[in-house]
Amino acid sequence: MNVYVGNLSYDLSEEDLKNAFGEYGEVTSAKIVSDRYSGRSKGFGFIEMSSDDEAKAAIEGLSGKELAGRAIVVNEARPRR
């Protein structure tokens, strides 16, 4: 299952994100979206977890929690249009 993570600190690394979600299960990928021109983080990213149950536990456990000084938004990612 793909999980959307928003309101990320611009200083947060993909490794930091992976570690935070790793408490809830196996993270298969962690990607922070960055601006194509400046290379700076856009403040959101996506996590892929190995099972839907782990992803749901991470959504419930991390939504609204503070990560690197910011309350993050965590929910199921919507498919691209």
C-alpha atoms as a PDB file:
ATOM      1  CA  MET A   1       0.000   0.000   0.000  1.00  0.00           C
ATOM      2  CA  ASN A   2       1.180   3.494  -0.854  1.00  0.00           C
ATOM      3  CA  VAL A   3       1.008   6.125   1.910  1.00  0.00           C
ATOM      4  CA  TYR A   4       1.047   9.910   1.434  1.00  0.00           C
ATOM      5  CA  VAL A   5       3.016  11.949   4.004  1.00  0.00           C
ATOM      6  CA  GLY A   6       2.599  15.718   4.055  1.00  0.00           C
ATOM      7  CA  ASN A   7       3.782  18.768   6.024  1.00  0.00           C
ATOM      8  CA  LEU A   8       7.327  17.410   6.185  1.00  0.00           C
ATOM      9  CA  SER A   9      10.228  19.488   7.410  1.00  0.00           C
ATOM     10  CA  TYR A  10      12.434  20.577   4.503  1.00  0.00           C
ATOM     11  CA  ASP A  11      15.437  19.188   6.411  1.00  0.00           C
ATOM     12  CA  LEU A  12      14.007  15.669   6.722  1.00  0.00           C
ATOM     13  CA  SER A  13      15.786  12.934   4.743  1.00  0.00           C
ATOM     14  CA  GLU A  14      14.262   9.871   3.108  1.00  0.00           C
ATOM     15  CA  GLU A  15      16.214   7.791   5.642  1.00  0.00           C
ATOM     16  CA  ASP A  16      14.565   9.688   8.535  1.00  0.00           C
ATOM     17  CA  LEU A  17      11.157   9.045   6.999  1.00  0.00           C
ATOM     18  CA  LYS A  18      11.941   5.369   6.487  1.00  0.00           C
ATOM     19  CA  ASN A  19      13.053   5.029  10.127  1.00  0.00           C
ATOM     20  CA  ALA A  20       9.858   6.651  11.458  1.00  0.00           C
ATOM     21  CA  PHE A  21       7.624   4.328   9.434  1.00  0.00           C
ATOM     22  CA  GLY A  22       9.867   1.323  10.094  1.00  0.00           C
ATOM     23  CA  GLU A  23       8.455   1.134  13.620  1.00  0.00           C
ATOM     24  CA  TYR A  24       5.171  -0.054  12.091  1.00  0.00           C
ATOM     25  CA  GLY A  25       6.510  -2.638   9.654  1.00  0.00           C
ATOM     26  CA  GLU A  26       8.706  -3.166   6.627  1.00  0.00           C
ATOM     27  CA  VAL A  27       9.152  -0.078   4.456  1.00  0.00           C
ATOM     28  CA  THR A  28       9.777  -1.095   0.840  1.00  0.00           C
ATOM     29  CA  SER A  29      10.392   2.476  -0.372  1.00  0.00           C
ATOM     30  CA  ALA A  30      10.521   6.048   0.923  1.00  0.00           C
ATOM     31  CA  LYS A  31      10.473   8.999  -1.479  1.00  0.00           C
ATOM     32  CA  ILE A  32      10.429  12.694  -0.658  1.00  0.00           C
ATOM     33  CA  VAL A  33       9.273  14.757  -3.627  1.00  0.00           C
ATOM     34  CA  SER A  34      11.661  17.568  -4.520  1.00  0.00           C
ATOM     35  CA  ASP A  35      11.501  20.539  -6.843  1.00  0.00           C
ATOM     36  CA  ARG A  36      12.952  19.639 -10.213  1.00  0.00           C
ATOM     37  CA  TYR A  37      14.817  22.932 -10.572  1.00  0.00           C
ATOM     38  CA  SER A  38      16.095  23.757  -7.085  1.00  0.00           C
ATOM     39  CA  GLY A  39      16.309  20.198  -5.755  1.00  0.00           C
ATOM     40  CA  ARG A  40      14.684  21.385  -2.526  1.00  0.00           C
ATOM     41  CA  SER A  41      12.029  19.266  -0.809  1.00  0.00           C
ATOM     42  CA  LYS A  42       8.416  20.172  -1.586  1.00  0.00           C
ATOM     43  CA  GLY A  43       7.412  19.098   1.943  1.00  0.00           C
ATOM     44  CA  PHE A  44       5.668  15.859   1.068  1.00  0.00           C
ATOM     45  CA  GLY A  45       6.492  12.325   0.089  1.00  0.00           C
ATOM     46  CA  PHE A  46       5.334   8.743  -0.265  1.00  0.00           C
ATOM     47  CA  ILE A  47       6.019   5.583   1.674  1.00  0.00           C
ATOM     48  CA  GLU A  48       5.391   2.095   0.419  1.00  0.00           C
ATOM     49  CA  MET A  49       4.886  -0.606   3.049  1.00  0.00           C
ATOM     50  CA  SER A  50       5.049  -4.352   2.489  1.00  0.00           C
ATOM     51  CA  SER A  51       1.497  -5.007   3.735  1.00  0.00           C
ATOM     52  CA  ASP A  52      -1.781  -3.089   3.949  1.00  0.00           C
ATOM     53  CA  ASP A  53      -2.075  -3.883   7.672  1.00  0.00           C
ATOM     54  CA  GLU A  54       1.340  -2.333   8.391  1.00  0.00           C
ATOM     55  CA  ALA A  55       0.450   0.716   6.292  1.00  0.00           C
ATOM     56  CA  LYS A  56      -2.859   1.189   8.130  1.00  0.00           C
ATOM     57  CA  ALA A  57      -1.080   0.885  11.503  1.00  0.00           C
ATOM     58  CA  ALA A  58       1.449   3.530  10.394  1.00  0.00           C
ATOM     59  CA  ILE A  59      -1.333   5.864   9.207  1.00  0.00           C
ATOM     60  CA  GLU A  60      -3.137   5.556  12.547  1.00  0.00           C
ATOM     61  CA  GLY A  61       0.059   5.788  14.590  1.00  0.00           C
ATOM     62  CA  LEU A  62       1.772   8.682  12.807  1.00  0.00           C
ATOM     63  CA  SER A  63      -0.997  10.967  11.534  1.00  0.00           C
ATOM     64  CA  GLY A  64      -0.767  14.263  13.412  1.00  0.00           C
ATOM     65  CA  LYS A  65       2.421  13.225  15.236  1.00  0.00           C
ATOM     66  CA  GLU A  66       5.470  15.470  15.313  1.00  0.00           C
ATOM     67  CA  LEU A  67       8.416  14.557  13.106  1.00  0.00           C
ATOM     68  CA  ALA A  68      11.410  16.928  12.950  1.00  0.00           C
ATOM     69  CA  GLY A  69       9.368  19.700  14.563  1.00  0.00           C
ATOM     70  CA  ARG A  70       6.274  19.498  12.338  1.00  0.00           C
ATOM     71  CA  ALA A  71       2.939  17.716  12.767  1.00  0.00           C
ATOM     72  CA  ILE A  72       2.821  15.409   9.751  1.00  0.00           C
ATOM     73  CA  VAL A  73      -0.237  14.478   7.716  1.00  0.00           C
ATOM     74  CA  VAL A  74      -0.423  10.767   6.892  1.00  0.00           C
ATOM     75  CA  ASN A  75      -3.080   9.021   4.801  1.00  0.00           C
ATOM     76  CA  GLU A  76      -3.578   6.506   2.038  1.00  0.00           C
ATOM     77  CA  ALA A  77      -2.184   7.823  -1.241  1.00  0.00           C
ATOM     78  CA  ARG A  78      -4.710   8.395  -3.998  1.00  0.00           C
ATOM     79  CA  PRO A  79      -3.867   6.969  -7.414  1.00  0.00           C
ATOM     80  CA  ARG A  80      -2.374   9.368  -9.956  1.00  0.00           C
ATOM     81  CA  ARG A  81      -4.783  10.810 -12.493  1.00  0.00           C
END
